Structures are given as structure tokens and as C-alpha cells.
PDB file of N, CA and C in Angstrom:
ATOM      1  N   MET A   1     -11.266 -98.474 156.388  1.00  0.00           N
ATOM      2  CA  MET A   1     -11.717 -99.169 155.194  1.00  0.00           C
ATOM      3  C   MET A   1     -12.937 -98.417 154.651  1.00  0.00           C
ATOM      4  N   ASN A   2     -12.991 -98.273 153.332  1.00  0.00           N
ATOM      5  CA  ASN A   2     -14.145 -97.552 152.796  1.00  0.00           C
ATOM      6  C   ASN A   2     -15.394 -98.421 152.842  1.00  0.00           C
ATOM      7  N   ARG A   3     -16.515 -97.771 152.912  1.00  0.00           N
ATOM      8  CA  ARG A   3     -17.805 -98.437 153.097  1.00  0.00           C
ATOM      9  C   ARG A   3     -18.118 -99.397 151.947  1.00  0.00           C
ATOM     10  N   ASN A   4     -17.731 -99.039 150.719  1.00  0.00           N
ATOM     11  CA  ASN A   4     -17.996 -99.885 149.560  1.00  0.00           C
ATOM     12  C   ASN A   4     -17.262-101.223 149.681  1.00  0.00           C
ATOM     13  N   LYS A   5     -15.973-101.169 150.023  1.00  0.00           N
ATOM     14  CA  LYS A   5     -15.195-102.403 150.188  1.00  0.00           C
ATOM     15  C   LYS A   5     -15.748-103.238 151.337  1.00  0.00           C
ATOM     16  N   LEU A   6     -16.084-102.584 152.450  1.00  0.00           N
ATOM     17  CA  LEU A   6     -16.646-103.296 153.597  1.00  0.00           C
ATOM     18  C   LEU A   6     -17.945-103.993 153.201  1.00  0.00           C
ATOM     19  N   GLY A   7     -18.784-103.315 152.445  1.00  0.00           N
ATOM     20  CA  GLY A   7     -20.047-103.910 151.994  1.00  0.00           C
ATOM     21  C   GLY A   7     -19.830-105.144 151.134  1.00  0.00           C
ATOM     22  N   LYS A   8     -18.819-105.114 150.259  1.00  0.00           N
ATOM     23  CA  LYS A   8     -18.521-106.279 149.419  1.00  0.00           C
ATOM     24  C   LYS A   8     -18.057-107.461 150.258  1.00  0.00           C
ATOM     25  N   ILE A   9     -17.250-107.179 151.262  1.00  0.00           N
ATOM     26  CA  ILE A   9     -16.767-108.262 152.140  1.00  0.00           C
ATOM     27  C   ILE A   9     -17.925-108.833 152.956  1.00  0.00           C
ATOM     28  N   GLU A  10     -18.791-107.973 153.458  1.00  0.00           N
ATOM     29  CA  GLU A  10     -19.948-108.449 154.218  1.00  0.00           C
ATOM     30  C   GLU A  10     -20.847-109.313 153.339  1.00  0.00           C
ATOM     31  N   GLN A  11     -21.047-108.916 152.086  1.00  0.00           N
ATOM     32  CA  GLN A  11     -21.859-109.729 151.179  1.00  0.00           C
ATOM     33  C   GLN A  11     -21.186-111.072 150.920  1.00  0.00           C
ATOM     34  N   TYR A  12     -19.863-111.075 150.802  1.00  0.00           N
ATOM     35  CA  TYR A  12     -19.123-112.331 150.642  1.00  0.00           C
ATOM     36  C   TYR A  12     -19.400-113.250 151.830  1.00  0.00           C
ATOM     37  N   ILE A  13     -19.395-112.695 153.040  1.00  0.00           N
ATOM     38  CA  ILE A  13     -19.654-113.483 154.248  1.00  0.00           C
ATOM     39  C   ILE A  13     -21.056-114.070 154.209  1.00  0.00           C
ATOM     40  N   PHE A  14     -22.058-113.255 153.863  1.00  0.00           N
ATOM     41  CA  PHE A  14     -23.439-113.760 153.780  1.00  0.00           C
ATOM     42  C   PHE A  14     -23.552-114.859 152.720  1.00  0.00           C
ATOM     43  N   ASP A  15     -22.909-114.641 151.575  1.00  0.00           N
ATOM     44  CA  ASP A  15     -22.948-115.651 150.507  1.00  0.00           C
ATOM     45  C   ASP A  15     -22.284-116.950 150.950  1.00  0.00           C
ATOM     46  N   PHE A  16     -21.214-116.839 151.736  1.00  0.00           N
ATOM     47  CA  PHE A  16     -20.525-118.035 152.225  1.00  0.00           C
ATOM     48  C   PHE A  16     -21.440-118.830 153.156  1.00  0.00           C
ATOM     49  N   PHE A  17     -22.130-118.138 154.060  1.00  0.00           N
ATOM     50  CA  PHE A  17     -23.089-118.832 154.928  1.00  0.00           C
ATOM     51  C   PHE A  17     -24.158-119.528 154.089  1.00  0.00           C
ATOM     52  N   ALA A  18     -24.668-118.846 153.078  1.00  0.00           N
ATOM     53  CA  ALA A  18     -25.715-119.434 152.234  1.00  0.00           C
ATOM     54  C   ALA A  18     -25.203-120.670 151.491  1.00  0.00           C
ATOM     55  N   ARG A  19     -23.954-120.608 150.990  1.00  0.00           N
ATOM     56  CA  ARG A  19     -23.383-121.774 150.300  1.00  0.00           C
ATOM     57  C   ARG A  19     -23.222-122.958 151.250  1.00  0.00           C
ATOM     58  N   ARG A  20     -22.845-122.686 152.484  1.00  0.00           N
ATOM     59  CA  ARG A  20     -22.661-123.755 153.480  1.00  0.00           C
ATOM     60  C   ARG A  20     -23.984-124.232 154.063  1.00  0.00           C
ATOM     61  N   ARG A  21     -25.034-123.428 153.900  1.00  0.00           N
ATOM     62  CA  ARG A  21     -26.397-123.764 154.347  1.00  0.00           C
ATOM     63  C   ARG A  21     -26.488-124.015 155.847  1.00  0.00           C
ATOM     64  N   ASN A  22     -25.665-123.298 156.587  1.00  0.00           N
ATOM     65  CA  ASN A  22     -25.653-123.406 158.043  1.00  0.00           C
ATOM     66  C   ASN A  22     -25.373-122.011 158.591  1.00  0.00           C
ATOM     67  N   ASN A  23     -26.021-121.632 159.679  1.00  0.00           N
ATOM     68  CA  ASN A  23     -25.805-120.279 160.213  1.00  0.00           C
ATOM     69  C   ASN A  23     -24.700-120.224 161.267  1.00  0.00           C
ATOM     70  N   LYS A  24     -23.970-121.330 161.469  1.00  0.00           N
ATOM     71  CA  LYS A  24     -22.858-121.352 162.424  1.00  0.00           C
ATOM     72  C   LYS A  24     -21.657-121.999 161.749  1.00  0.00           C
ATOM     73  N   LEU A  25     -20.539-121.246 161.692  1.00  0.00           N
ATOM     74  CA  LEU A  25     -19.340-121.746 161.023  1.00  0.00           C
ATOM     75  C   LEU A  25     -18.104-121.424 161.840  1.00  0.00           C
ATOM     76  N   LEU A  26     -17.093-122.248 161.689  1.00  0.00           N
ATOM     77  CA  LEU A  26     -15.796-121.923 162.265  1.00  0.00           C
ATOM     78  C   LEU A  26     -15.236-120.713 161.513  1.00  0.00           C
ATOM     79  N   THR A  27     -14.703-119.766 162.239  1.00  0.00           N
ATOM     80  CA  THR A  27     -14.151-118.564 161.625  1.00  0.00           C
ATOM     81  C   THR A  27     -13.079-118.913 160.612  1.00  0.00           C
ATOM     82  N   ARG A  28     -12.265-119.908 160.915  1.00  0.00           N
ATOM     83  CA  ARG A  28     -11.176-120.265 159.997  1.00  0.00           C
ATOM     84  C   ARG A  28     -11.701-120.760 158.657  1.00  0.00           C
ATOM     85  N   GLU A  29     -12.936-121.304 158.607  1.00  0.00           N
ATOM     86  CA  GLU A  29     -13.507-121.721 157.329  1.00  0.00           C
ATOM     87  C   GLU A  29     -13.663-120.516 156.403  1.00  0.00           C
ATOM     88  N   ILE A  30     -14.091-119.404 156.959  1.00  0.00           N
ATOM     89  CA  ILE A  30     -14.252-118.199 156.149  1.00  0.00           C
ATOM     90  C   ILE A  30     -12.886-117.637 155.785  1.00  0.00           C
ATOM     91  N   PHE A  31     -11.967-117.594 156.757  1.00  0.00           N
ATOM     92  CA  PHE A  31     -10.608-117.120 156.461  1.00  0.00           C
ATOM     93  C   PHE A  31      -9.974-117.953 155.341  1.00  0.00           C
ATOM     94  N   ASP A  32     -10.093-119.275 155.433  1.00  0.00           N
ATOM     95  CA  ASP A  32      -9.462-120.168 154.457  1.00  0.00           C
ATOM     96  C   ASP A  32     -10.118-120.102 153.076  1.00  0.00           C
ATOM     97  N   SER A  33     -11.373-119.679 153.022  1.00  0.00           N
ATOM     98  CA  SER A  33     -12.110-119.675 151.756  1.00  0.00           C
ATOM     99  C   SER A  33     -11.841-118.438 150.914  1.00  0.00           C
ATOM    100  N   SER A  34     -11.155-117.465 151.476  1.00  0.00           N
ATOM    101  CA  SER A  34     -11.123-116.148 150.869  1.00  0.00           C
ATOM    102  C   SER A  34      -9.731-115.624 150.592  1.00  0.00           C
ATOM    103  N   PRO A  35      -9.088-116.084 149.512  1.00  0.00           N
ATOM    104  CA  PRO A  35      -7.762-115.535 149.207  1.00  0.00           C
ATOM    105  C   PRO A  35      -7.813-114.069 148.763  1.00  0.00           C
ATOM    106  N   GLN A  36      -8.977-113.590 148.317  1.00  0.00           N
ATOM    107  CA  GLN A  36      -9.062-112.208 147.845  1.00  0.00           C
ATOM    108  C   GLN A  36      -9.207-111.195 148.975  1.00  0.00           C
ATOM    109  N   TYR A  37      -9.534-111.635 150.190  1.00  0.00           N
ATOM    110  CA  TYR A  37      -9.689-110.719 151.320  1.00  0.00           C
ATOM    111  C   TYR A  37      -8.725-111.090 152.437  1.00  0.00           C
ATOM    112  N   ALA A  38      -8.074-110.103 152.998  1.00  0.00           N
ATOM    113  CA  ALA A  38      -7.180-110.322 154.132  1.00  0.00           C
ATOM    114  C   ALA A  38      -8.012-110.672 155.367  1.00  0.00           C
ATOM    115  N   ASN A  39      -7.433-111.484 156.239  1.00  0.00           N
ATOM    116  CA  ASN A  39      -8.132-111.842 157.474  1.00  0.00           C
ATOM    117  C   ASN A  39      -8.527-110.597 158.271  1.00  0.00           C
ATOM    118  N   ALA A  40      -7.669-109.602 158.294  1.00  0.00           N
ATOM    119  CA  ALA A  40      -7.979-108.370 159.035  1.00  0.00           C
ATOM    120  C   ALA A  40      -9.214-107.682 158.460  1.00  0.00           C
ATOM    121  N   ASP A  41      -9.381-107.714 157.144  1.00  0.00           N
ATOM    122  CA  ASP A  41     -10.570-107.115 156.532  1.00  0.00           C
ATOM    123  C   ASP A  41     -11.824-107.912 156.872  1.00  0.00           C
ATOM    124  N   LEU A  42     -11.688-109.242 156.888  1.00  0.00           N
ATOM    125  CA  LEU A  42     -12.822-110.076 157.291  1.00  0.00           C
ATOM    126  C   LEU A  42     -13.207-109.792 158.744  1.00  0.00           C
ATOM    127  N   VAL A  43     -12.220-109.628 159.609  1.00  0.00           N
ATOM    128  CA  VAL A  43     -12.498-109.321 161.017  1.00  0.00           C
ATOM    129  C   VAL A  43     -13.232-107.985 161.128  1.00  0.00           C
ATOM    130  N   ARG A  44     -12.814-106.986 160.346  1.00  0.00           N
ATOM    131  CA  ARG A  44     -13.514-105.696 160.359  1.00  0.00           C
ATOM    132  C   ARG A  44     -14.978-105.872 159.941  1.00  0.00           C
ATOM    133  N   ALA A  45     -15.207-106.713 158.949  1.00  0.00           N
ATOM    134  CA  ALA A  45     -16.576-106.973 158.505  1.00  0.00           C
ATOM    135  C   ALA A  45     -17.372-107.708 159.589  1.00  0.00           C
ATOM    136  N   PHE A  46     -16.755-108.700 160.241  1.00  0.00           N
ATOM    137  CA  PHE A  46     -17.435-109.390 161.348  1.00  0.00           C
ATOM    138  C   PHE A  46     -17.852-108.378 162.415  1.00  0.00           C
ATOM    139  N   GLU A  47     -16.918-107.490 162.772  1.00  0.00           N
ATOM    140  CA  GLU A  47     -17.197-106.507 163.822  1.00  0.00           C
ATOM    141  C   GLU A  47     -18.319-105.566 163.416  1.00  0.00           C
ATOM    142  N   ASP A  48     -18.337-105.129 162.166  1.00  0.00           N
ATOM    143  CA  ASP A  48     -19.402-104.250 161.696  1.00  0.00           C
ATOM    144  C   ASP A  48     -20.745-104.965 161.727  1.00  0.00           C
ATOM    145  N   LEU A  49     -20.768-106.203 161.248  1.00  0.00           N
ATOM    146  CA  LEU A  49     -22.010-106.972 161.248  1.00  0.00           C
ATOM    147  C   LEU A  49     -22.502-107.264 162.658  1.00  0.00           C
ATOM    148  N   GLU A  50     -21.576-107.407 163.595  1.00  0.00           N
ATOM    149  CA  GLU A  50     -21.961-107.696 164.978  1.00  0.00           C
ATOM    150  C   GLU A  50     -22.335-106.436 165.738  1.00  0.00           C
ATOM    151  N   LYS A  51     -21.477-105.451 165.716  1.00  0.00           N
ATOM    152  CA  LYS A  51     -21.656-104.285 166.585  1.00  0.00           C
ATOM    153  C   LYS A  51     -22.613-103.245 166.020  1.00  0.00           C
ATOM    154  N   LYS A  52     -22.617-103.086 164.716  1.00  0.00           N
ATOM    155  CA  LYS A  52     -23.486-102.070 164.125  1.00  0.00           C
ATOM    156  C   LYS A  52     -24.837-102.638 163.712  1.00  0.00           C
ATOM    157  N   TRP A  53     -24.810-103.787 163.048  1.00  0.00           N
ATOM    158  CA  TRP A  53     -26.037-104.338 162.470  1.00  0.00           C
ATOM    159  C   TRP A  53     -26.652-105.465 163.284  1.00  0.00           C
ATOM    160  N   ARG A  54     -25.867-106.083 164.191  1.00  0.00           N
ATOM    161  CA  ARG A  54     -26.345-107.173 165.051  1.00  0.00           C
ATOM    162  C   ARG A  54     -26.887-108.365 164.244  1.00  0.00           C
ATOM    163  N   LEU A  55     -26.220-108.646 163.115  1.00  0.00           N
ATOM    164  CA  LEU A  55     -26.616-109.748 162.238  1.00  0.00           C
ATOM    165  C   LEU A  55     -25.743-110.983 162.432  1.00  0.00           C
ATOM    166  N   LEU A  56     -24.727-110.856 163.259  1.00  0.00           N
ATOM    167  CA  LEU A  56     -23.742-111.924 163.432  1.00  0.00           C
ATOM    168  C   LEU A  56     -23.174-111.837 164.838  1.00  0.00           C
ATOM    169  N   VAL A  57     -22.773-112.978 165.383  1.00  0.00           N
ATOM    170  CA  VAL A  57     -22.006-113.010 166.634  1.00  0.00           C
ATOM    171  C   VAL A  57     -20.730-113.794 166.384  1.00  0.00           C
ATOM    172  N   ARG A  58     -19.694-113.394 167.080  1.00  0.00           N
ATOM    173  CA  ARG A  58     -18.412-114.102 167.024  1.00  0.00           C
ATOM    174  C   ARG A  58     -18.030-114.438 168.460  1.00  0.00           C
ATOM    175  N   TYR A  59     -17.665-115.688 168.686  1.00  0.00           N
ATOM    176  CA  TYR A  59     -17.347-116.115 170.048  1.00  0.00           C
ATOM    177  C   TYR A  59     -16.430-117.327 170.005  1.00  0.00           C
ATOM    178  N   THR A  60     -15.853-117.630 171.152  1.00  0.00           N
ATOM    179  CA  THR A  60     -14.988-118.797 171.302  1.00  0.00           C
ATOM    180  C   THR A  60     -15.707-119.817 172.177  1.00  0.00           C
ATOM    181  N   GLN A  61     -15.654-121.061 171.748  1.00  0.00           N
ATOM    182  CA  GLN A  61     -16.256-122.153 172.514  1.00  0.00           C
ATOM    183  C   GLN A  61     -15.326-123.360 172.416  1.00  0.00           C
ATOM    184  N   ASP A  62     -14.912-123.865 173.561  1.00  0.00           N
ATOM    185  CA  ASP A  62     -14.018-125.029 173.624  1.00  0.00           C
ATOM    186  C   ASP A  62     -12.764-124.838 172.761  1.00  0.00           C
ATOM    187  N   GLY A  63     -12.237-123.612 172.756  1.00  0.00           N
ATOM    188  CA  GLY A  63     -11.013-123.314 172.034  1.00  0.00           C
ATOM    189  C   GLY A  63     -11.181-123.026 170.555  1.00  0.00           C
ATOM    190  N   ASP A  64     -12.397-123.112 170.031  1.00  0.00           N
ATOM    191  CA  ASP A  64     -12.660-122.818 168.631  1.00  0.00           C
ATOM    192  C   ASP A  64     -13.321-121.452 168.497  1.00  0.00           C
ATOM    193  N   ASP A  65     -12.938-120.704 167.461  1.00  0.00           N
ATOM    194  CA  ASP A  65     -13.509-119.393 167.183  1.00  0.00           C
ATOM    195  C   ASP A  65     -14.639-119.573 166.171  1.00  0.00           C
ATOM    196  N   TRP A  66     -15.833-119.142 166.541  1.00  0.00           N
ATOM    197  CA  TRP A  66     -17.031-119.317 165.721  1.00  0.00           C
ATOM    198  C   TRP A  66     -17.593-117.977 165.267  1.00  0.00           C
ATOM    199  N   VAL A  67     -18.248-117.985 164.116  1.00  0.00           N
ATOM    200  CA  VAL A  67     -19.114-116.888 163.698  1.00  0.00           C
ATOM    201  C   VAL A  67     -20.478-117.512 163.436  1.00  0.00           C
ATOM    202  N   GLN A  68     -21.507-116.788 163.859  1.00  0.00           N
ATOM    203  CA  GLN A  68     -22.850-117.323 163.726  1.00  0.00           C
ATOM    204  C   GLN A  68     -23.804-116.194 163.409  1.00  0.00           C
ATOM    205  N   LEU A  69     -24.646-116.407 162.410  1.00  0.00           N
ATOM    206  CA  LEU A  69     -25.664-115.418 162.094  1.00  0.00           C
ATOM    207  C   LEU A  69     -26.725-115.441 163.175  1.00  0.00           C
ATOM    208  N   THR A  70     -27.159-114.258 163.582  1.00  0.00           N
ATOM    209  CA  THR A  70     -28.312-114.167 164.481  1.00  0.00           C
ATOM    210  C   THR A  70     -29.555-114.523 163.665  1.00  0.00           C
ATOM    211  N   LEU A  71     -30.687-114.620 164.324  1.00  0.00           N
ATOM    212  CA  LEU A  71     -31.914-114.898 163.585  1.00  0.00           C
ATOM    213  C   LEU A  71     -32.208-113.776 162.588  1.00  0.00           C
ATOM    214  N   GLU A  72     -31.833-112.543 162.932  1.00  0.00           N
ATOM    215  CA  GLU A  72     -31.992-111.422 162.005  1.00  0.00           C
ATOM    216  C   GLU A  72     -31.050-111.589 160.807  1.00  0.00           C
ATOM    217  N   GLY A  73     -29.843-112.094 161.061  1.00  0.00           N
ATOM    218  CA  GLY A  73     -28.901-112.366 159.982  1.00  0.00           C
ATOM    219  C   GLY A  73     -29.408-113.457 159.048  1.00  0.00           C
ATOM    220  N   VAL A  74     -30.013-114.483 159.622  1.00  0.00           N
ATOM    221  CA  VAL A  74     -30.606-115.560 158.816  1.00  0.00           C
ATOM    222  C   VAL A  74     -31.725-114.987 157.950  1.00  0.00           C
ATOM    223  N   ALA A  75     -32.561-114.135 158.529  1.00  0.00           N
ATOM    224  CA  ALA A  75     -33.650-113.523 157.769  1.00  0.00           C
ATOM    225  C   ALA A  75     -33.099-112.650 156.643  1.00  0.00           C
ATOM    226  N   TYR A  76     -31.995-111.956 156.898  1.00  0.00           N
ATOM    227  CA  TYR A  76     -31.376-111.113 155.877  1.00  0.00           C
ATOM    228  C   TYR A  76     -30.919-111.952 154.689  1.00  0.00           C
ATOM    229  N   VAL A  77     -30.301-113.088 154.961  1.00  0.00           N
ATOM    230  CA  VAL A  77     -29.831-113.980 153.897  1.00  0.00           C
ATOM    231  C   VAL A  77     -31.015-114.663 153.224  1.00  0.00           C
ATOM    232  N   GLY A  78     -32.014-115.027 154.014  1.00  0.00           N
ATOM    233  CA  GLY A  78     -33.175-115.775 153.538  1.00  0.00           C
ATOM    234  C   GLY A  78     -33.169-117.150 154.157  1.00  0.00           C
ATOM    235  N   SER A  79     -34.082-117.393 155.076  1.00  0.00           N
ATOM    236  CA  SER A  79     -34.039-118.627 155.861  1.00  0.00           C
ATOM    237  C   SER A  79     -34.194-119.879 155.005  1.00  0.00           C
ATOM    238  N   ASP A  80     -34.755-119.774 153.807  1.00  0.00           N
ATOM    239  CA  ASP A  80     -34.887-120.948 152.944  1.00  0.00           C
ATOM    240  C   ASP A  80     -33.544-121.432 152.413  1.00  0.00           C
ATOM    241  N   GLU A  81     -32.479-120.641 152.594  1.00  0.00           N
ATOM    242  CA  GLU A  81     -31.133-121.038 152.164  1.00  0.00           C
ATOM    243  C   GLU A  81     -30.481-122.037 153.131  1.00  0.00           C
ATOM    244  N   PHE A  82     -31.036-122.212 154.323  1.00  0.00           N
ATOM    245  CA  PHE A  82     -30.345-122.963 155.375  1.00  0.00           C
ATOM    246  C   PHE A  82     -30.975-124.320 155.628  1.00  0.00           C
ATOM    247  N   LEU A  83     -30.112-125.325 155.752  1.00  0.00           N
ATOM    248  CA  LEU A  83     -30.562-126.648 156.183  1.00  0.00           C
ATOM    249  C   LEU A  83     -30.661-126.688 157.694  1.00  0.00           C
ATOM    250  N   THR A  84     -29.751-125.978 158.366  1.00  0.00           N
ATOM    251  CA  THR A  84     -29.677-125.956 159.818  1.00  0.00           C
ATOM    252  C   THR A  84     -29.655-124.513 160.294  1.00  0.00           C
ATOM    253  N   ILE A  85     -30.521-124.203 161.256  1.00  0.00           N
ATOM    254  CA  ILE A  85     -30.503-122.880 161.880  1.00  0.00           C
ATOM    255  C   ILE A  85     -30.446-123.103 163.384  1.00  0.00           C
ATOM    256  N   GLU A  86     -29.312-122.729 163.968  1.00  0.00           N
ATOM    257  CA  GLU A  86     -29.126-122.873 165.405  1.00  0.00           C
ATOM    258  C   GLU A  86     -29.293-121.519 166.071  1.00  0.00           C
ATOM    259  N   GLU A  87     -29.877-121.511 167.266  1.00  0.00           N
ATOM    260  CA  GLU A  87     -29.926-120.289 168.071  1.00  0.00           C
ATOM    261  C   GLU A  87     -28.503-119.906 168.421  1.00  0.00           C
ATOM    262  N   PRO A  88     -28.157-118.636 168.329  1.00  0.00           N
ATOM    263  CA  PRO A  88     -26.814-118.222 168.713  1.00  0.00           C
ATOM    264  C   PRO A  88     -26.505-118.569 170.164  1.00  0.00           C
ATOM    265  N   GLU A  89     -25.281-119.029 170.404  1.00  0.00           N
ATOM    266  CA  GLU A  89     -24.836-119.391 171.741  1.00  0.00           C
ATOM    267  C   GLU A  89     -24.416-118.166 172.537  1.00  0.00           C
ATOM    268  N   ALA A  90     -24.229-117.059 171.845  1.00  0.00           N
ATOM    269  CA  ALA A  90     -23.783-115.820 172.482  1.00  0.00           C
ATOM    270  C   ALA A  90     -24.626-114.676 171.942  1.00  0.00           C
ATOM    271  N   LEU A  91     -24.582-113.569 172.643  1.00  0.00           N
ATOM    272  CA  LEU A  91     -25.294-112.374 172.195  1.00  0.00           C
ATOM    273  C   LEU A  91     -24.330-111.459 171.458  1.00  0.00           C
ATOM    274  N   PRO A  92     -24.835-110.719 170.462  1.00  0.00           N
ATOM    275  CA  PRO A  92     -23.945-109.755 169.810  1.00  0.00           C
ATOM    276  C   PRO A  92     -23.461-108.726 170.813  1.00  0.00           C
ATOM    277  N   HIS A  93     -22.283-108.185 170.569  1.00  0.00           N
ATOM    278  CA  HIS A  93     -21.785-107.097 171.421  1.00  0.00           C
ATOM    279  C   HIS A  93     -22.758-105.928 171.314  1.00  0.00           C
ATOM    280  N   PRO A  94     -22.850-105.135 172.370  1.00  0.00           N
ATOM    281  CA  PRO A  94     -23.724-103.961 172.279  1.00  0.00           C
ATOM    282  C   PRO A  94     -23.266-103.059 171.147  1.00  0.00           C
ATOM    283  N   PRO A  95     -24.222-102.350 170.532  1.00  0.00           N
ATOM    284  CA  PRO A  95     -23.818-101.434 169.458  1.00  0.00           C
ATOM    285  C   PRO A  95     -22.829-100.395 169.971  1.00  0.00           C
ATOM    286  N   LYS A  96     -21.971 -99.952 169.065  1.00  0.00           N
ATOM    287  CA  LYS A  96     -21.027 -98.898 169.441  1.00  0.00           C
ATOM    288  C   LYS A  96     -21.828 -97.638 169.738  1.00  0.00           C
ATOM    289  N   SER A  97     -21.494 -96.990 170.832  1.00  0.00           N
ATOM    290  CA  SER A  97     -22.194 -95.751 171.137  1.00  0.00           C
ATOM    291  C   SER A  97     -21.628 -94.650 170.268  1.00  0.00           C
ATOM    292  N   SER A  98     -22.493 -93.751 169.859  1.00  0.00           N
ATOM    293  CA  SER A  98     -22.034 -92.664 169.001  1.00  0.00           C
ATOM    294  C   SER A  98     -21.330 -91.629 169.841  1.00  0.00           C
ATOM    295  N   PRO A  99     -20.270 -91.038 169.296  1.00  0.00           N
ATOM    296  CA  PRO A  99     -19.552 -90.010 170.066  1.00  0.00           C
ATOM    297  C   PRO A  99     -20.469 -88.817 170.310  1.00  0.00           C
ATOM    298  N   GLY A 100     -20.409 -88.299 171.487  1.00  0.00           N
ATOM    299  CA  GLY A 100     -21.361 -87.256 171.785  1.00  0.00           C
ATOM    300  C   GLY A 100     -20.813 -86.082 172.361  1.00  0.00           C
TER     301      GLY A 100
END
């Protein structure tokens, strides 16, 4: 996926969190909200935000798939946008190591 398209999808994700005013959402809420983006493209954006930028975590809890902004992700969006800010229940995956 080209970087420009990925950036637009990532911004869509941040805007969705801001509209919901919560830093923890069910993944399916984002999938269901976005007819213009394929689920696979959203997953690529989640992975980039988690593994490269560490602004988001994705995890499963009690059978539900969650995405949650880290505190750095909340700061990126602007903490005044949120009614609720929960500490992430999981840690972001380690950054991808660069090929060497």
C-alpha cells in the first residue's frame, strides 16, 4: 500500500476515535463505520500505528477484538477530544526491526 493512502486511513482512524471520544473501541466498530476502506487496509493501518509508531494497540479480551490508543496516541489526537481515557490493557508490539 502506498504511504499516502496509508496516511489517509490512519487519519480516518484517529478521527473516528475523536468522534467517539473514547480511546478504546471494538475493532468491528471501525470496520463497520468505513465503507470506503477495506478491512484489510484498516488492519494494515492498525499494524503500522502499532508496530511503527506505537500509537495504538490491538488485542483480544474475552473474545472481543479491541483497538486502543496508547497515551501517545491520545496526545497525538489531542486529549481534550476524549471523555474517557483508559490505560491500555496491552502493550504495543515491539517495533519492526530494520533489515540489516
